[in-house]
Protein backbone atom coordinates (compact mmCIF):
# COMPACT_ATOMS: atom_id res chain seq x y z
CA LEU A 1 0.00 0.00 0.00
CA GLN A 2 1.14 3.54 -0.68
CA LEU A 3 0.94 6.52 1.63
CA CYS A 4 -2.24 8.54 1.16
CA PRO A 5 -1.61 11.83 -0.65
CA ASN A 6 -4.50 13.55 1.14
CA PRO A 7 -5.83 11.41 4.03
CA ALA A 8 -8.97 13.51 4.39
CA LEU A 9 -10.11 12.75 0.83
CA THR A 10 -9.05 9.09 0.59
CA LEU A 11 -10.66 5.87 1.79
CA PRO A 12 -8.37 4.33 4.45
CA HIS A 13 -8.41 0.81 2.91
CA ARG A 14 -6.99 2.13 -0.39
CA CYS A 15 -3.72 3.42 1.06
CA LYS A 16 -1.74 3.48 4.28
CA MET A 17 -2.36 6.45 6.50
CA PRO A 18 0.84 8.02 7.87
CA GLY A 19 1.68 6.62 11.31
CA THR A 20 -0.79 3.73 11.17
CA ILE A 21 -0.30 -0.03 11.13
CA ASP A 22 -1.31 -1.92 8.01
CA ALA A 23 -4.18 -4.22 9.03
CA LEU A 24 -3.38 -6.77 6.31
CA CYS A 25 0.32 -7.00 7.18
CA PRO A 26 0.72 -6.62 10.96
CA ALA A 27 3.93 -7.48 12.78
CA THR A 28 2.04 -10.29 14.53
CA ALA A 29 1.23 -12.18 11.30
CA PRO A 30 4.26 -14.54 11.50
CA PHE A 31 2.94 -15.80 14.85
CA PHE A 32 0.12 -17.60 13.04
CA GLY A 33 2.52 -19.17 10.57
CA PHE A 34 4.78 -20.44 13.33
CA MET A 35 1.75 -21.77 15.22
CA GLY A 36 0.69 -23.62 12.06
CA ALA A 37 4.10 -25.28 11.85
CA ALA A 38 3.99 -26.18 15.53
CA VAL A 39 0.49 -27.65 15.57
CA ALA A 40 1.14 -29.68 12.42
CA LEU A 41 4.13 -31.37 14.02
CA ILE A 42 2.71 -31.64 17.54
CA PHE A 43 -0.68 -33.13 16.67
CA ALA A 44 0.65 -35.43 13.94
CA ASN A 45 3.29 -36.74 16.34
CA LEU A 46 0.68 -37.21 19.07
CA GLY A 47 -1.30 -39.37 16.64
CA ALA A 48 1.83 -41.25 15.59
CA ALA A 49 2.86 -41.84 19.20
CA TYR A 50 -0.57 -43.05 20.25
CA GLY A 51 -0.91 -45.32 17.22
CA THR A 52 2.56 -46.76 17.76
CA ALA A 53 2.06 -47.33 21.48
CA LYS A 54 -1.42 -48.79 21.24
CA SER A 55 -0.69 -51.14 18.35
CA GLY A 56 2.73 -51.97 19.83
CA VAL A 57 1.02 -53.23 22.98
CA GLY A 58 -1.13 -55.49 20.81
CA VAL A 59 1.93 -56.80 18.94
CA SER A 60 3.74 -57.50 22.23
CA SER A 61 0.74 -59.23 23.74
CA MET A 62 0.19 -61.33 20.63
CA GLY A 63 3.91 -62.14 20.34
CA VAL A 64 3.87 -64.02 23.62
CA MET A 65 1.58 -66.67 22.18
CA LYS A 66 2.65 -66.59 18.50
CA PRO A 67 6.15 -65.13 18.10
CA ASP A 68 6.29 -66.17 14.44
CA LEU A 69 3.63 -63.51 13.61
CA ILE A 70 5.49 -60.52 15.09
CA MET A 71 7.04 -59.24 11.84
CA LYS A 72 3.77 -59.70 9.97
CA SER A 73 1.95 -57.74 12.67
CA ILE A 74 4.30 -54.75 12.70
CA ILE A 75 2.33 -53.00 9.87
CA PRO A 76 0.20 -50.83 12.22
CA VAL A 77 3.34 -49.54 13.96
CA VAL A 78 4.90 -48.53 10.64
CA MET A 79 1.69 -46.91 9.41
CA ALA A 80 1.39 -44.89 12.63
CA GLY A 81 4.98 -43.69 12.26
CA VAL A 82 4.27 -42.33 8.80
CA LEU A 83 1.77 -39.88 10.31
CA GLY A 84 4.61 -38.06 12.06
CA ILE A 85 6.33 -37.64 8.69
CA TYR A 86 3.20 -35.96 7.30
CA GLY A 87 3.32 -33.40 10.10
CA LEU A 88 7.04 -32.88 9.59
CA ILE A 89 6.57 -32.18 5.87
CA ILE A 90 3.93 -29.52 6.47
CA ALA A 91 5.86 -27.98 9.38
CA VAL A 92 9.02 -27.60 7.27
CA ILE A 93 7.10 -26.08 4.35
CA ILE A 94 5.36 -23.59 6.63
CA ALA A 95 8.52 -22.68 8.56
CA ASN A 96 10.35 -21.99 5.31
CA GLY A 97 7.44 -19.82 4.12
CA VAL A 98 7.46 -17.48 7.12
CA MET A 99 9.39 -14.36 6.13
CA PRO A 100 11.32 -12.25 8.66
CA PRO A 101 10.77 -8.48 8.86
CA THR A 102 12.77 -6.27 6.51
CA SER A 103 15.67 -4.12 7.72
CA GLU A 104 13.21 -1.21 8.01
CA GLY A 105 11.08 -3.24 10.41
CA THR A 106 8.15 -3.83 8.06
CA THR A 107 6.77 -7.29 7.51
CA LYS A 108 6.27 -8.89 4.10
CA TYR A 109 4.33 -11.77 5.67
CA SER A 110 0.60 -11.03 5.51
CA SER A 111 -2.24 -12.05 7.81
CA PHE A 112 -3.73 -13.96 4.87
CA THR A 113 -0.61 -16.10 4.58
CA GLY A 114 -0.39 -16.56 8.35
CA PHE A 115 -3.98 -17.73 8.59
CA ALA A 116 -3.50 -20.06 5.61
CA HIS A 117 -0.43 -21.56 7.26
CA LEU A 118 -2.27 -21.97 10.56
CA ALA A 119 -5.15 -23.71 8.76
CA ALA A 120 -2.68 -25.98 6.92
CA GLY A 121 -1.04 -26.96 10.20
CA LEU A 122 -4.35 -27.65 11.89
CA ALA A 123 -5.67 -29.66 8.94
CA CYS A 124 -2.60 -31.88 8.77
CA GLY A 125 -2.02 -32.16 12.52
CA LEU A 126 -5.56 -32.94 13.59
CA SER A 127 -6.04 -35.37 10.69
CA GLY A 128 -2.84 -37.10 11.78
CA LEU A 129 -4.10 -37.27 15.35
CA ALA A 130 -7.41 -38.81 14.28
CA ALA A 131 -5.67 -41.29 11.99
CA GLY A 132 -3.25 -42.26 14.76
CA ILE A 133 -6.08 -42.99 17.16
CA ALA A 134 -7.82 -45.12 14.54
CA ILE A 135 -4.63 -46.98 13.61
CA GLY A 136 -3.82 -47.63 17.27
CA ILE A 137 -7.20 -49.08 18.12
CA VAL A 138 -7.49 -51.16 14.93
CA GLY A 139 -3.86 -52.25 15.14
CA ASP A 140 -4.18 -53.41 18.74
CA ALA A 141 -7.38 -55.38 18.24
CA GLY A 142 -6.43 -56.51 14.72
CA VAL A 143 -3.11 -58.15 15.53
CA ARG A 144 -4.59 -59.93 18.53
CA ALA A 145 -7.50 -61.20 16.45
CA ASN A 146 -5.16 -62.18 13.62
CA ALA A 147 -3.25 -64.40 16.02
CA GLN A 148 -6.43 -66.35 16.65
CA GLN A 149 -7.85 -66.30 13.10
CA ALA A 150 -5.45 -65.85 10.17
CA LYS A 151 -8.26 -64.95 7.74
CA LEU A 152 -8.68 -61.58 9.50
CA TYR A 153 -5.30 -60.28 8.28
CA VAL A 154 -6.49 -58.86 4.93
CA GLY A 155 -9.46 -57.16 6.59
CA MET A 156 -7.19 -55.63 9.23
CA VAL A 157 -4.82 -54.26 6.58
CA LEU A 158 -7.71 -52.75 4.60
CA ILE A 159 -9.06 -51.01 7.70
CA LEU A 160 -5.58 -49.70 8.48
CA ILE A 161 -5.24 -48.34 4.93
CA PHE A 162 -8.49 -46.42 5.26
CA ALA A 163 -7.39 -45.08 8.66
CA GLU A 164 -4.05 -43.96 7.17
CA ALA A 165 -5.94 -42.24 4.36
CA LEU A 166 -7.42 -39.84 6.94
CA GLY A 167 -3.93 -38.53 7.66
CA LEU A 168 -3.14 -38.39 3.95
CA TYR A 169 -6.22 -36.23 3.33
CA GLY A 170 -4.97 -33.78 5.94
CA LEU A 171 -1.54 -33.71 4.27
CA ILE A 172 -3.07 -32.98 0.86
CA VAL A 173 -5.26 -30.17 2.17
CA GLY A 174 -2.30 -28.80 4.12
CA LEU A 175 -0.14 -28.74 0.99
CA ILE A 176 -2.86 -26.89 -0.90
CA LEU A 177 -3.29 -24.35 1.90
CA THR A 178 0.46 -23.68 2.17
CA SER A 179 0.47 -22.62 -1.47
CA LYS A 180 -1.99 -19.80 -0.70
CA SER A 181 -0.06 -16.63 0.08
CA HIS A 182 -0.06 -12.86 -0.23
CA VAL A 183 3.14 -10.84 0.05
CA CYS A 184 2.75 -7.42 1.64
CA GLY A 185 3.63 -4.55 -0.61
CA ASP A 186 2.49 -6.23 -3.85
C-alpha cells in the first residue's frame, strides 16, 4: 500500500495512512505461521505416538503366544509412524514460508498467509491425530484377532489403509493451503 496523498479525501483501505499499522500485514502475522508449523508437528506426532504405542502393545501381547507372527503384525506400527512424517513435511514447508521483517522493520508476511499456514497446520495435525487414534485401536485389536484367526489379516490391513488415508487427506489439504499466500507490498 502507498501513503495517502491527502488522508482527508481518501478511503483508508486504499492506502496506508501516515503513522498507522497496516491491518493486512501486521507485525504479529508470523505468529500464526509459526503456530501452524507447531500444531502440524505436535498433533501429527501425538497421533503417531498413540498409534505406535497402542498397536505396539497389541503386537507384544500377541507375540507371547505366536512369536512367528510378530514381523507380519508390525504393519500398524509402521503406518502410525508415517503420520509423524506428514506433520514434519507440512511444518518444514510452513517454517520456510514465514518471512522475517525487513531491515526497516516492516513485515512482508501477511495475515492472509499466516492464517492459511495456521489452517494448513491444523488440517494436517488434527487429521494425523485422528488417523493415529484409529490406527492404534485397529492395530491393537487386529493383531490380537489375527493371532487367533489368520483370515482376518487382509481385513485388518484394509481397515488400516483407510485409517491412514485420513492422515493423507490432511496432508493434501495442508499442501494446498500452504500454497496460498499474499506478500505485503504487492
